[in-house]
């Protein structure tokens, strides 16, 4: 993957990893704000959202290393590498949506339990 071979600077994958970390926190914060949660509600919801965000970001980094290492090892053509990159980007967007939905769902359940 071309993102992995760059040295220095921020790659697109780094930005997507950051977004996959921030989306669960933003979604859970929105749920807590919308339900007028107290301090305990915010603390529980944000701790769960941070855990989901860290796990999702870590999974994205592992996927980059695994797929990037695979492409370097098998020395594929540029077209095959582009197809893998496109597949990884699509998977990253699906993963970000999953992270957001999981955090919102868990935040809703937690806030329902403590109210």
PDB file of N, CA and C in Angstrom:
ATOM      1  N   UNK A   1       0.841  -1.166   0.000  1.00  0.00           N
ATOM      2  CA  UNK A   1       0.000   0.000   0.000  1.00  0.00           C
ATOM      3  C   UNK A   1       0.886   1.228   0.000  1.00  0.00           C
ATOM      4  N   UNK A   2       0.545   2.177  -0.813  1.00  0.00           N
ATOM      5  CA  UNK A   2       1.388   3.348  -0.973  1.00  0.00           C
ATOM      6  C   UNK A   2       1.463   4.189   0.284  1.00  0.00           C
ATOM      7  N   UNK A   3       0.411   4.111   1.148  1.00  0.00           N
ATOM      8  CA  UNK A   3       0.425   4.898   2.372  1.00  0.00           C
ATOM      9  C   UNK A   3       1.553   4.457   3.292  1.00  0.00           C
ATOM     10  N   UNK A   4       1.867   3.163   3.292  1.00  0.00           N
ATOM     11  CA  UNK A   4       2.841   2.640   4.222  1.00  0.00           C
ATOM     12  C   UNK A   4       4.263   2.997   3.802  1.00  0.00           C
ATOM     13  N   UNK A   5       4.522   3.177   2.532  1.00  0.00           N
ATOM     14  CA  UNK A   5       5.868   3.453   2.067  1.00  0.00           C
ATOM     15  C   UNK A   5       6.281   4.903   2.254  1.00  0.00           C
ATOM     16  N   UNK A   6       5.353   5.776   2.522  1.00  0.00           N
ATOM     17  CA  UNK A   6       5.699   7.168   2.725  1.00  0.00           C
ATOM     18  C   UNK A   6       6.418   7.319   4.055  1.00  0.00           C
ATOM     19  N   UNK A   7       7.429   8.168   4.047  1.00  0.00           N
ATOM     20  CA  UNK A   7       8.123   8.418   5.304  1.00  0.00           C
ATOM     21  C   UNK A   7       7.864   9.853   5.720  1.00  0.00           C
ATOM     22  N   UNK A   8       7.494  10.041   6.962  1.00  0.00           N
ATOM     23  CA  UNK A   8       7.198  11.380   7.463  1.00  0.00           C
ATOM     24  C   UNK A   8       5.836  11.841   6.983  1.00  0.00           C
ATOM     25  N   UNK A   9       5.262  12.748   7.701  1.00  0.00           N
ATOM     26  CA  UNK A   9       3.965  13.288   7.302  1.00  0.00           C
ATOM     27  C   UNK A   9       2.822  12.386   7.713  1.00  0.00           C
ATOM     28  N   UNK A  10       1.636  12.840   7.436  1.00  0.00           N
ATOM     29  CA  UNK A  10       0.424  12.127   7.802  1.00  0.00           C
ATOM     30  C   UNK A  10      -0.194  11.544   6.540  1.00  0.00           C
ATOM     31  N   UNK A  11      -0.549  10.278   6.602  1.00  0.00           N
ATOM     32  CA  UNK A  11      -1.148   9.629   5.450  1.00  0.00           C
ATOM     33  C   UNK A  11      -2.667   9.636   5.574  1.00  0.00           C
ATOM     34  N   UNK A  12      -3.321   9.264   4.511  1.00  0.00           N
ATOM     35  CA  UNK A  12      -4.770   9.148   4.523  1.00  0.00           C
ATOM     36  C   UNK A  12      -5.211   8.116   5.553  1.00  0.00           C
ATOM     37  N   UNK A  13      -4.477   7.028   5.662  1.00  0.00           N
ATOM     38  CA  UNK A  13      -4.842   5.995   6.622  1.00  0.00           C
ATOM     39  C   UNK A  13      -4.741   6.514   8.059  1.00  0.00           C
ATOM     40  N   UNK A  14      -3.747   7.369   8.329  1.00  0.00           N
ATOM     41  CA  UNK A  14      -3.647   7.975   9.657  1.00  0.00           C
ATOM     42  C   UNK A  14      -4.879   8.822   9.959  1.00  0.00           C
ATOM     43  N   UNK A  15      -5.320   9.573   8.981  1.00  0.00           N
ATOM     44  CA  UNK A  15      -6.512  10.402   9.159  1.00  0.00           C
ATOM     45  C   UNK A  15      -7.751   9.536   9.379  1.00  0.00           C
ATOM     46  N   UNK A  16      -7.890   8.476   8.623  1.00  0.00           N
ATOM     47  CA  UNK A  16      -9.031   7.576   8.793  1.00  0.00           C
ATOM     48  C   UNK A  16      -8.988   6.877  10.153  1.00  0.00           C
ATOM     49  N   UNK A  17      -7.792   6.563  10.616  1.00  0.00           N
ATOM     50  CA  UNK A  17      -7.650   5.963  11.943  1.00  0.00           C
ATOM     51  C   UNK A  17      -8.087   6.941  13.022  1.00  0.00           C
ATOM     52  N   UNK A  18      -7.698   8.188  12.885  1.00  0.00           N
ATOM     53  CA  UNK A  18      -8.108   9.207  13.847  1.00  0.00           C
ATOM     54  C   UNK A  18      -9.630   9.394  13.829  1.00  0.00           C
ATOM     55  N   UNK A  19     -10.207   9.402  12.649  1.00  0.00           N
ATOM     56  CA  UNK A  19     -11.662   9.548  12.536  1.00  0.00           C
ATOM     57  C   UNK A  19     -12.364   8.354  13.180  1.00  0.00           C
ATOM     58  N   UNK A  20     -11.816   7.146  12.999  1.00  0.00           N
ATOM     59  CA  UNK A  20     -12.439   5.968  13.616  1.00  0.00           C
ATOM     60  C   UNK A  20     -12.322   6.008  15.135  1.00  0.00           C
ATOM     61  N   UNK A  21     -11.361   6.747  15.666  1.00  0.00           N
ATOM     62  CA  UNK A  21     -11.267   6.936  17.111  1.00  0.00           C
ATOM     63  C   UNK A  21     -12.250   8.002  17.603  1.00  0.00           C
ATOM     64  N   UNK A  22     -12.417   9.067  16.835  1.00  0.00           N
ATOM     65  CA  UNK A  22     -13.228  10.212  17.265  1.00  0.00           C
ATOM     66  C   UNK A  22     -14.729   9.961  17.077  1.00  0.00           C
ATOM     67  N   UNK A  23     -15.126   9.257  16.035  1.00  0.00           N
ATOM     68  CA  UNK A  23     -16.547   9.055  15.767  1.00  0.00           C
ATOM     69  C   UNK A  23     -17.321   8.408  16.917  1.00  0.00           C
ATOM     70  N   UNK A  24     -16.821   7.358  17.536  1.00  0.00           N
ATOM     71  CA  UNK A  24     -17.573   6.801  18.664  1.00  0.00           C
ATOM     72  C   UNK A  24     -17.728   7.789  19.823  1.00  0.00           C
ATOM     73  N   UNK A  25     -16.686   8.556  20.080  1.00  0.00           N
ATOM     74  CA  UNK A  25     -16.750   9.537  21.166  1.00  0.00           C
ATOM     75  C   UNK A  25     -17.777  10.623  20.838  1.00  0.00           C
ATOM     76  N   UNK A  26     -17.777  11.080  19.609  1.00  0.00           N
ATOM     77  CA  UNK A  26     -18.733  12.110  19.206  1.00  0.00           C
ATOM     78  C   UNK A  26     -20.164  11.582  19.250  1.00  0.00           C
ATOM     79  N   UNK A  27     -20.374  10.371  18.772  1.00  0.00           N
ATOM     80  CA  UNK A  27     -21.716   9.793  18.788  1.00  0.00           C
ATOM     81  C   UNK A  27     -22.236   9.586  20.193  1.00  0.00           C
ATOM     82  N   UNK A  28     -21.399   9.047  21.064  1.00  0.00           N
ATOM     83  CA  UNK A  28     -21.820   8.810  22.442  1.00  0.00           C
ATOM     84  C   UNK A  28     -22.039  10.124  23.186  1.00  0.00           C
ATOM     85  N   UNK A  29     -21.227  11.114  22.906  1.00  0.00           N
ATOM     86  CA  UNK A  29     -21.418  12.428  23.537  1.00  0.00           C
ATOM     87  C   UNK A  29     -22.735  13.048  23.101  1.00  0.00           C
ATOM     88  N   UNK A  30     -23.076  12.870  21.850  1.00  0.00           N
ATOM     89  CA  UNK A  30     -24.351  13.379  21.353  1.00  0.00           C
ATOM     90  C   UNK A  30     -25.534  12.709  22.016  1.00  0.00           C
ATOM     91  N   UNK A  31     -25.430  11.417  22.228  1.00  0.00           N
ATOM     92  CA  UNK A  31     -26.501  10.695  22.911  1.00  0.00           C
ATOM     93  C   UNK A  31     -26.619  11.180  24.356  1.00  0.00           C
ATOM     94  N   UNK A  32     -25.488  11.355  25.040  1.00  0.00           N
ATOM     95  CA  UNK A  32     -25.515  11.814  26.426  1.00  0.00           C
ATOM     96  C   UNK A  32     -26.088  13.227  26.521  1.00  0.00           C
ATOM     97  N   UNK A  33     -25.721  14.069  25.589  1.00  0.00           N
ATOM     98  CA  UNK A  33     -26.246  15.437  25.593  1.00  0.00           C
ATOM     99  C   UNK A  33     -27.743  15.439  25.308  1.00  0.00           C
ATOM    100  N   UNK A  34     -28.163  14.632  24.367  1.00  0.00           N
ATOM    101  CA  UNK A  34     -29.580  14.568  23.998  1.00  0.00           C
ATOM    102  C   UNK A  34     -30.469  14.025  25.097  1.00  0.00           C
ATOM    103  N   UNK A  35     -29.925  13.153  25.916  1.00  0.00           N
ATOM    104  CA  UNK A  35     -30.736  12.581  26.992  1.00  0.00           C
ATOM    105  C   UNK A  35     -30.558  13.342  28.307  1.00  0.00           C
ATOM    106  N   UNK A  36     -29.811  14.428  28.275  1.00  0.00           N
ATOM    107  CA  UNK A  36     -29.566  15.261  29.459  1.00  0.00           C
ATOM    108  C   UNK A  36     -29.006  14.426  30.610  1.00  0.00           C
ATOM    109  N   UNK A  37     -27.980  13.645  30.285  1.00  0.00           N
ATOM    110  CA  UNK A  37     -27.354  12.782  31.285  1.00  0.00           C
ATOM    111  C   UNK A  37     -26.584  13.631  32.290  1.00  0.00           C
ATOM    112  N   UNK A  38     -26.489  13.130  33.477  1.00  0.00           N
ATOM    113  CA  UNK A  38     -25.712  13.805  34.508  1.00  0.00           C
ATOM    114  C   UNK A  38     -24.236  13.471  34.365  1.00  0.00           C
ATOM    115  N   UNK A  39     -23.492  13.805  35.382  1.00  0.00           N
ATOM    116  CA  UNK A  39     -22.052  13.571  35.367  1.00  0.00           C
ATOM    117  C   UNK A  39     -21.722  12.079  35.276  1.00  0.00           C
ATOM    118  N   UNK A  40     -22.445  11.267  36.022  1.00  0.00           N
ATOM    119  CA  UNK A  40     -22.228   9.825  35.968  1.00  0.00           C
ATOM    120  C   UNK A  40     -22.536   9.265  34.576  1.00  0.00           C
ATOM    121  N   UNK A  41     -23.607   9.751  33.970  1.00  0.00           N
ATOM    122  CA  UNK A  41     -23.962   9.304  32.624  1.00  0.00           C
ATOM    123  C   UNK A  41     -22.897   9.649  31.608  1.00  0.00           C
ATOM    124  N   UNK A  42     -22.421  10.901  31.662  1.00  0.00           N
ATOM    125  CA  UNK A  42     -21.352  11.309  30.749  1.00  0.00           C
ATOM    126  C   UNK A  42     -20.094  10.476  30.973  1.00  0.00           C
ATOM    127  N   UNK A  43     -19.736  10.238  32.230  1.00  0.00           N
ATOM    128  CA  UNK A  43     -18.515   9.479  32.522  1.00  0.00           C
ATOM    129  C   UNK A  43     -18.613   8.053  31.997  1.00  0.00           C
ATOM    130  N   UNK A  44     -19.732   7.405  32.230  1.00  0.00           N
ATOM    131  CA  UNK A  44     -19.900   6.033  31.741  1.00  0.00           C
ATOM    132  C   UNK A  44     -19.901   5.966  30.220  1.00  0.00           C
ATOM    133  N   UNK A  45     -20.651   6.859  29.620  1.00  0.00           N
ATOM    134  CA  UNK A  45     -20.781   6.851  28.166  1.00  0.00           C
ATOM    135  C   UNK A  45     -19.444   7.175  27.499  1.00  0.00           C
ATOM    136  N   UNK A  46     -18.734   8.145  28.010  1.00  0.00           N
ATOM    137  CA  UNK A  46     -17.453   8.500  27.397  1.00  0.00           C
ATOM    138  C   UNK A  46     -16.391   7.434  27.631  1.00  0.00           C
ATOM    139  N   UNK A  47     -16.433   6.761  28.777  1.00  0.00           N
ATOM    140  CA  UNK A  47     -15.458   5.683  28.985  1.00  0.00           C
ATOM    141  C   UNK A  47     -15.708   4.532  28.015  1.00  0.00           C
ATOM    142  N   UNK A  48     -16.958   4.202  27.788  1.00  0.00           N
ATOM    143  CA  UNK A  48     -17.282   3.152  26.814  1.00  0.00           C
ATOM    144  C   UNK A  48     -16.893   3.602  25.402  1.00  0.00           C
ATOM    145  N   UNK A  49     -17.190   4.853  25.072  1.00  0.00           N
ATOM    146  CA  UNK A  49     -16.877   5.368  23.739  1.00  0.00           C
ATOM    147  C   UNK A  49     -15.366   5.418  23.507  1.00  0.00           C
ATOM    148  N   UNK A  50     -14.609   5.803  24.508  1.00  0.00           N
ATOM    149  CA  UNK A  50     -13.149   5.811  24.365  1.00  0.00           C
ATOM    150  C   UNK A  50     -12.605   4.398  24.171  1.00  0.00           C
ATOM    151  N   UNK A  51     -13.179   3.448  24.876  1.00  0.00           N
ATOM    152  CA  UNK A  51     -12.756   2.058  24.710  1.00  0.00           C
ATOM    153  C   UNK A  51     -13.049   1.560  23.297  1.00  0.00           C
ATOM    154  N   UNK A  52     -14.238   1.854  22.810  1.00  0.00           N
ATOM    155  CA  UNK A  52     -14.586   1.457  21.440  1.00  0.00           C
ATOM    156  C   UNK A  52     -13.673   2.159  20.439  1.00  0.00           C
ATOM    157  N   UNK A  53     -13.430   3.445  20.636  1.00  0.00           N
ATOM    158  CA  UNK A  53     -12.563   4.197  19.729  1.00  0.00           C
ATOM    159  C   UNK A  53     -11.144   3.661  19.690  1.00  0.00           C
ATOM    160  N   UNK A  54     -10.600   3.346  20.858  1.00  0.00           N
ATOM    161  CA  UNK A  54      -9.237   2.803  20.912  1.00  0.00           C
ATOM    162  C   UNK A  54      -9.173   1.448  20.218  1.00  0.00           C
ATOM    163  N   UNK A  55     -10.152   0.597  20.473  1.00  0.00           N
ATOM    164  CA  UNK A  55     -10.167  -0.728  19.841  1.00  0.00           C
ATOM    165  C   UNK A  55     -10.303  -0.629  18.324  1.00  0.00           C
ATOM    166  N   UNK A  56     -11.175   0.248  17.857  1.00  0.00           N
ATOM    167  CA  UNK A  56     -11.365   0.396  16.409  1.00  0.00           C
ATOM    168  C   UNK A  56     -10.120   0.973  15.741  1.00  0.00           C
ATOM    169  N   UNK A  57      -9.499   1.952  16.378  1.00  0.00           N
ATOM    170  CA  UNK A  57      -8.275   2.521  15.808  1.00  0.00           C
ATOM    171  C   UNK A  57      -7.150   1.489  15.795  1.00  0.00           C
ATOM    172  N   UNK A  58      -7.040   0.699  16.850  1.00  0.00           N
ATOM    173  CA  UNK A  58      -6.010  -0.339  16.891  1.00  0.00           C
ATOM    174  C   UNK A  58      -6.244  -1.387  15.799  1.00  0.00           C
ATOM    175  N   UNK A  59      -7.492  -1.756  15.587  1.00  0.00           N
ATOM    176  CA  UNK A  59      -7.803  -2.733  14.527  1.00  0.00           C
ATOM    177  C   UNK A  59      -7.447  -2.182  13.148  1.00  0.00           C
ATOM    178  N   UNK A  60      -7.668  -0.896  12.947  1.00  0.00           N
ATOM    179  CA  UNK A  60      -7.315  -0.301  11.657  1.00  0.00           C
ATOM    180  C   UNK A  60      -5.800  -0.304  11.453  1.00  0.00           C
ATOM    181  N   UNK A  61      -5.041  -0.040  12.501  1.00  0.00           N
ATOM    182  CA  UNK A  61      -3.579  -0.064  12.378  1.00  0.00           C
ATOM    183  C   UNK A  61      -3.087  -1.479  12.085  1.00  0.00           C
ATOM    184  N   UNK A  62      -3.679  -2.462  12.760  1.00  0.00           N
ATOM    185  CA  UNK A  62      -3.285  -3.852  12.528  1.00  0.00           C
ATOM    186  C   UNK A  62      -3.611  -4.259  11.090  1.00  0.00           C
ATOM    187  N   UNK A  63      -4.770  -3.847  10.598  1.00  0.00           N
ATOM    188  CA  UNK A  63      -5.147  -4.173   9.209  1.00  0.00           C
ATOM    189  C   UNK A  63      -4.163  -3.564   8.229  1.00  0.00           C
ATOM    190  N   UNK A  64      -3.733  -2.339   8.488  1.00  0.00           N
ATOM    191  CA  UNK A  64      -2.765  -1.694   7.597  1.00  0.00           C
ATOM    192  C   UNK A  64      -1.451  -2.465   7.573  1.00  0.00           C
ATOM    193  N   UNK A  65      -0.956  -2.851   8.734  1.00  0.00           N
ATOM    194  CA  UNK A  65       0.313  -3.570   8.807  1.00  0.00           C
ATOM    195  C   UNK A  65       0.197  -4.936   8.137  1.00  0.00           C
ATOM    196  N   UNK A  66      -0.905  -5.626   8.393  1.00  0.00           N
ATOM    197  CA  UNK A  66      -1.065  -6.971   7.810  1.00  0.00           C
ATOM    198  C   UNK A  66      -1.198  -6.919   6.292  1.00  0.00           C
ATOM    199  N   UNK A  67      -2.090  -6.078   5.800  1.00  0.00           N
ATOM    200  CA  UNK A  67      -2.303  -6.017   4.344  1.00  0.00           C
ATOM    201  C   UNK A  67      -1.090  -5.402   3.657  1.00  0.00           C
ATOM    202  N   UNK A  68      -0.528  -4.359   4.246  1.00  0.00           N
ATOM    203  CA  UNK A  68       0.674  -3.753   3.666  1.00  0.00           C
ATOM    204  C   UNK A  68       1.829  -4.727   3.620  1.00  0.00           C
ATOM    205  N   UNK A  69       2.017  -5.493   4.684  1.00  0.00           N
ATOM    206  CA  UNK A  69       3.076  -6.499   4.704  1.00  0.00           C
ATOM    207  C   UNK A  69       2.840  -7.590   3.683  1.00  0.00           C
ATOM    208  N   UNK A  70       1.584  -7.970   3.524  1.00  0.00           N
ATOM    209  CA  UNK A  70       1.239  -8.987   2.528  1.00  0.00           C
ATOM    210  C   UNK A  70       1.569  -8.495   1.125  1.00  0.00           C
ATOM    211  N   UNK A  71       1.231  -7.246   0.835  1.00  0.00           N
ATOM    212  CA  UNK A  71       1.501  -6.715  -0.503  1.00  0.00           C
ATOM    213  C   UNK A  71       2.988  -6.586  -0.770  1.00  0.00           C
ATOM    214  N   UNK A  72       3.761  -6.239   0.235  1.00  0.00           N
ATOM    215  CA  UNK A  72       5.213  -6.150   0.053  1.00  0.00           C
ATOM    216  C   UNK A  72       5.806  -7.540  -0.142  1.00  0.00           C
ATOM    217  N   UNK A  73       5.308  -8.499   0.614  1.00  0.00           N
ATOM    218  CA  UNK A  73       5.835  -9.861   0.550  1.00  0.00           C
ATOM    219  C   UNK A  73       5.578 -10.526  -0.796  1.00  0.00           C
ATOM    220  N   UNK A  74       4.375 -10.332  -1.354  1.00  0.00           N
ATOM    221  CA  UNK A  74       4.066 -11.038  -2.595  1.00  0.00           C
ATOM    222  C   UNK A  74       4.424 -10.222  -3.826  1.00  0.00           C
ATOM    223  N   UNK A  75       4.786  -8.958  -3.646  1.00  0.00           N
ATOM    224  CA  UNK A  75       5.273  -8.099  -4.734  1.00  0.00           C
ATOM    225  C   UNK A  75       4.311  -8.094  -5.921  1.00  0.00           C
ATOM    226  N   UNK A  76       3.090  -7.625  -5.697  1.00  0.00           N
ATOM    227  CA  UNK A  76       2.052  -7.579  -6.724  1.00  0.00           C
ATOM    228  C   UNK A  76       2.230  -6.373  -7.647  1.00  0.00           C
ATOM    229  N   UNK A  77       1.465  -6.378  -8.720  1.00  0.00           N
ATOM    230  CA  UNK A  77       1.498  -5.278  -9.669  1.00  0.00           C
ATOM    231  C   UNK A  77       0.826  -4.043  -9.068  1.00  0.00           C
ATOM    232  N   UNK A  78       1.007  -2.919  -9.733  1.00  0.00           N
ATOM    233  CA  UNK A  78       0.416  -1.667  -9.252  1.00  0.00           C
ATOM    234  C   UNK A  78      -1.105  -1.736  -9.291  1.00  0.00           C
ATOM    235  N   UNK A  79      -1.649  -2.410 -10.285  1.00  0.00           N
ATOM    236  CA  UNK A  79      -3.115  -2.531 -10.376  1.00  0.00           C
ATOM    237  C   UNK A  79      -3.676  -3.325  -9.206  1.00  0.00           C
ATOM    238  N   UNK A  80      -3.039  -4.429  -8.881  1.00  0.00           N
ATOM    239  CA  UNK A  80      -3.494  -5.237  -7.744  1.00  0.00           C
ATOM    240  C   UNK A  80      -3.356  -4.447  -6.451  1.00  0.00           C
ATOM    241  N   UNK A  81      -2.284  -3.704  -6.323  1.00  0.00           N
ATOM    242  CA  UNK A  81      -2.088  -2.874  -5.134  1.00  0.00           C
ATOM    243  C   UNK A  81      -3.165  -1.802  -5.035  1.00  0.00           C
ATOM    244  N   UNK A  82      -3.555  -1.235  -6.167  1.00  0.00           N
ATOM    245  CA  UNK A  82      -4.634  -0.245  -6.170  1.00  0.00           C
ATOM    246  C   UNK A  82      -5.967  -0.862  -5.766  1.00  0.00           C
ATOM    247  N   UNK A  83      -6.217  -2.074  -6.225  1.00  0.00           N
ATOM    248  CA  UNK A  83      -7.452  -2.768  -5.832  1.00  0.00           C
ATOM    249  C   UNK A  83      -7.471  -3.055  -4.336  1.00  0.00           C
ATOM    250  N   UNK A  84      -6.349  -3.485  -3.798  1.00  0.00           N
ATOM    251  CA  UNK A  84      -6.263  -3.711  -2.356  1.00  0.00           C
ATOM    252  C   UNK A  84      -6.463  -2.399  -1.591  1.00  0.00           C
ATOM    253  N   UNK A  85      -5.890  -1.325  -2.090  1.00  0.00           N
ATOM    254  CA  UNK A  85      -6.046  -0.026  -1.435  1.00  0.00           C
ATOM    255  C   UNK A  85      -7.501   0.427  -1.452  1.00  0.00           C
ATOM    256  N   UNK A  86      -8.167   0.243  -2.576  1.00  0.00           N
ATOM    257  CA  UNK A  86      -9.582   0.608  -2.666  1.00  0.00           C
ATOM    258  C   UNK A  86     -10.417  -0.246  -1.713  1.00  0.00           C
ATOM    259  N   UNK A  87     -10.122  -1.526  -1.663  1.00  0.00           N
ATOM    260  CA  UNK A  87     -10.825  -2.401  -0.727  1.00  0.00           C
ATOM    261  C   UNK A  87     -10.587  -2.005   0.718  1.00  0.00           C
ATOM    262  N   UNK A  88      -9.364  -1.619   1.030  1.00  0.00           N
ATOM    263  CA  UNK A  88      -9.056  -1.179   2.396  1.00  0.00           C
ATOM    264  C   UNK A  88      -9.793   0.108   2.741  1.00  0.00           C
ATOM    265  N   UNK A  89      -9.901   1.023   1.793  1.00  0.00           N
ATOM    266  CA  UNK A  89     -10.624   2.273   2.057  1.00  0.00           C
ATOM    267  C   UNK A  89     -12.110   2.019   2.282  1.00  0.00           C
ATOM    268  N   UNK A  90     -12.688   1.160   1.465  1.00  0.00           N
ATOM    269  CA  UNK A  90     -14.102   0.811   1.652  1.00  0.00           C
ATOM    270  C   UNK A  90     -14.298   0.143   3.010  1.00  0.00           C
ATOM    271  N   UNK A  91     -13.408  -0.765   3.363  1.00  0.00           N
ATOM    272  CA  UNK A  91     -13.493  -1.432   4.664  1.00  0.00           C
ATOM    273  C   UNK A  91     -13.332  -0.436   5.809  1.00  0.00           C
ATOM    274  N   UNK A  92     -12.470   0.553   5.622  1.00  0.00           N
ATOM    275  CA  UNK A  92     -12.272   1.563   6.669  1.00  0.00           C
ATOM    276  C   UNK A  92     -13.540   2.379   6.887  1.00  0.00           C
ATOM    277  N   UNK A  93     -14.217   2.759   5.820  1.00  0.00           N
ATOM    278  CA  UNK A  93     -15.454   3.521   5.975  1.00  0.00           C
ATOM    279  C   UNK A  93     -16.547   2.679   6.637  1.00  0.00           C
ATOM    280  N   UNK A  94     -16.637   1.415   6.264  1.00  0.00           N
ATOM    281  CA  UNK A  94     -17.608   0.528   6.909  1.00  0.00           C
ATOM    282  C   UNK A  94     -17.258   0.375   8.393  1.00  0.00           C
ATOM    283  N   UNK A  95     -15.975   0.250   8.704  1.00  0.00           N
ATOM    284  CA  UNK A  95     -15.525   0.106  10.082  1.00  0.00           C
ATOM    285  C   UNK A  95     -15.845   1.355  10.905  1.00  0.00           C
ATOM    286  N   UNK A  96     -15.705   2.529  10.296  1.00  0.00           N
ATOM    287  CA  UNK A  96     -16.017   3.775  10.999  1.00  0.00           C
ATOM    288  C   UNK A  96     -17.513   3.863  11.298  1.00  0.00           C
ATOM    289  N   UNK A  97     -18.333   3.459  10.354  1.00  0.00           N
ATOM    290  CA  UNK A  97     -19.782   3.463  10.587  1.00  0.00           C
ATOM    291  C   UNK A  97     -20.128   2.473  11.696  1.00  0.00           C
ATOM    292  N   UNK A  98     -19.501   1.300  11.684  1.00  0.00           N
ATOM    293  CA  UNK A  98     -19.723   0.331  12.747  1.00  0.00           C
ATOM    294  C   UNK A  98     -19.339   0.901  14.110  1.00  0.00           C
ATOM    295  N   UNK A  99     -18.197   1.571  14.182  1.00  0.00           N
ATOM    296  CA  UNK A  99     -17.745   2.148  15.450  1.00  0.00           C
ATOM    297  C   UNK A  99     -18.738   3.181  15.961  1.00  0.00           C
ATOM    298  N   UNK A 100     -19.224   4.020  15.066  1.00  0.00           N
ATOM    299  CA  UNK A 100     -20.192   5.049  15.446  1.00  0.00           C
ATOM    300  C   UNK A 100     -21.491   4.418  15.937  1.00  0.00           C
ATOM    301  N   UNK A 101     -22.016   3.475  15.185  1.00  0.00           N
ATOM    302  CA  UNK A 101     -23.281   2.829  15.543  1.00  0.00           C
ATOM    303  C   UNK A 101     -23.142   2.052  16.849  1.00  0.00           C
ATOM    304  N   UNK A 102     -22.034   1.355  17.023  1.00  0.00           N
ATOM    305  CA  UNK A 102     -21.834   0.589  18.260  1.00  0.00           C
ATOM    306  C   UNK A 102     -21.775   1.514  19.469  1.00  0.00           C
ATOM    307  N   UNK A 103     -21.086   2.628  19.346  1.00  0.00           N
ATOM    308  CA  UNK A 103     -20.984   3.566  20.468  1.00  0.00           C
ATOM    309  C   UNK A 103     -22.332   4.204  20.779  1.00  0.00           C
ATOM    310  N   UNK A 104     -23.070   4.589  19.755  1.00  0.00           N
ATOM    311  CA  UNK A 104     -24.390   5.194  19.980  1.00  0.00           C
ATOM    312  C   UNK A 104     -25.335   4.176  20.611  1.00  0.00           C
ATOM    313  N   UNK A 105     -25.316   2.947  20.120  1.00  0.00           N
ATOM    314  CA  UNK A 105     -26.192   1.916  20.667  1.00  0.00           C
ATOM    315  C   UNK A 105     -25.861   1.628  22.132  1.00  0.00           C
ATOM    316  N   UNK A 106     -24.568   1.454  22.430  1.00  0.00           N
ATOM    317  CA  UNK A 106     -24.174   1.183  23.809  1.00  0.00           C
ATOM    318  C   UNK A 106     -24.466   2.366  24.726  1.00  0.00           C
ATOM    319  N   UNK A 107     -24.241   3.576  24.232  1.00  0.00           N
ATOM    320  CA  UNK A 107     -24.533   4.762  25.044  1.00  0.00           C
ATOM    321  C   UNK A 107     -26.017   4.847  25.353  1.00  0.00           C
ATOM    322  N   UNK A 108     -26.841   4.548  24.378  1.00  0.00           N
ATOM    323  CA  UNK A 108     -28.285   4.571  24.592  1.00  0.00           C
ATOM    324  C   UNK A 108     -28.685   3.530  25.627  1.00  0.00           C
ATOM    325  N   UNK A 109     -28.135   2.332  25.528  1.00  0.00           N
ATOM    326  CA  UNK A 109     -28.461   1.273  26.487  1.00  0.00           C
ATOM    327  C   UNK A 109     -27.992   1.634  27.897  1.00  0.00           C
ATOM    328  N   UNK A 110     -26.804   2.165  28.013  1.00  0.00           N
ATOM    329  CA  UNK A 110     -26.279   2.536  29.329  1.00  0.00           C
ATOM    330  C   UNK A 110     -27.109   3.635  29.957  1.00  0.00           C
ATOM    331  N   UNK A 111     -27.436   4.646  29.184  1.00  0.00           N
ATOM    332  CA  UNK A 111     -28.227   5.746  29.724  1.00  0.00           C
ATOM    333  C   UNK A 111     -29.654   5.314  30.069  1.00  0.00           C
ATOM    334  N   UNK A 112     -30.164   4.345  29.343  1.00  0.00           N
ATOM    335  CA  UNK A 112     -31.488   3.809  29.681  1.00  0.00           C
ATOM    336  C   UNK A 112     -31.427   3.049  31.013  1.00  0.00           C
ATOM    337  N   UNK A 113     -30.343   2.336  31.238  1.00  0.00           N
ATOM    338  CA  UNK A 113     -30.207   1.573  32.482  1.00  0.00           C
ATOM    339  C   UNK A 113     -30.045   2.469  33.715  1.00  0.00           C
ATOM    340  N   UNK A 114     -29.340   3.595  33.568  1.00  0.00           N
ATOM    341  CA  UNK A 114     -29.099   4.413  34.760  1.00  0.00           C
ATOM    342  C   UNK A 114     -30.207   5.422  35.003  1.00  0.00           C
ATOM    343  N   UNK A 115     -31.112   5.595  34.067  1.00  0.00           N
ATOM    344  CA  UNK A 115     -32.230   6.515  34.301  1.00  0.00           C
ATOM    345  C   UNK A 115     -33.361   5.812  34.895  1.00  0.00           C
TER     346      UNK A 115
END
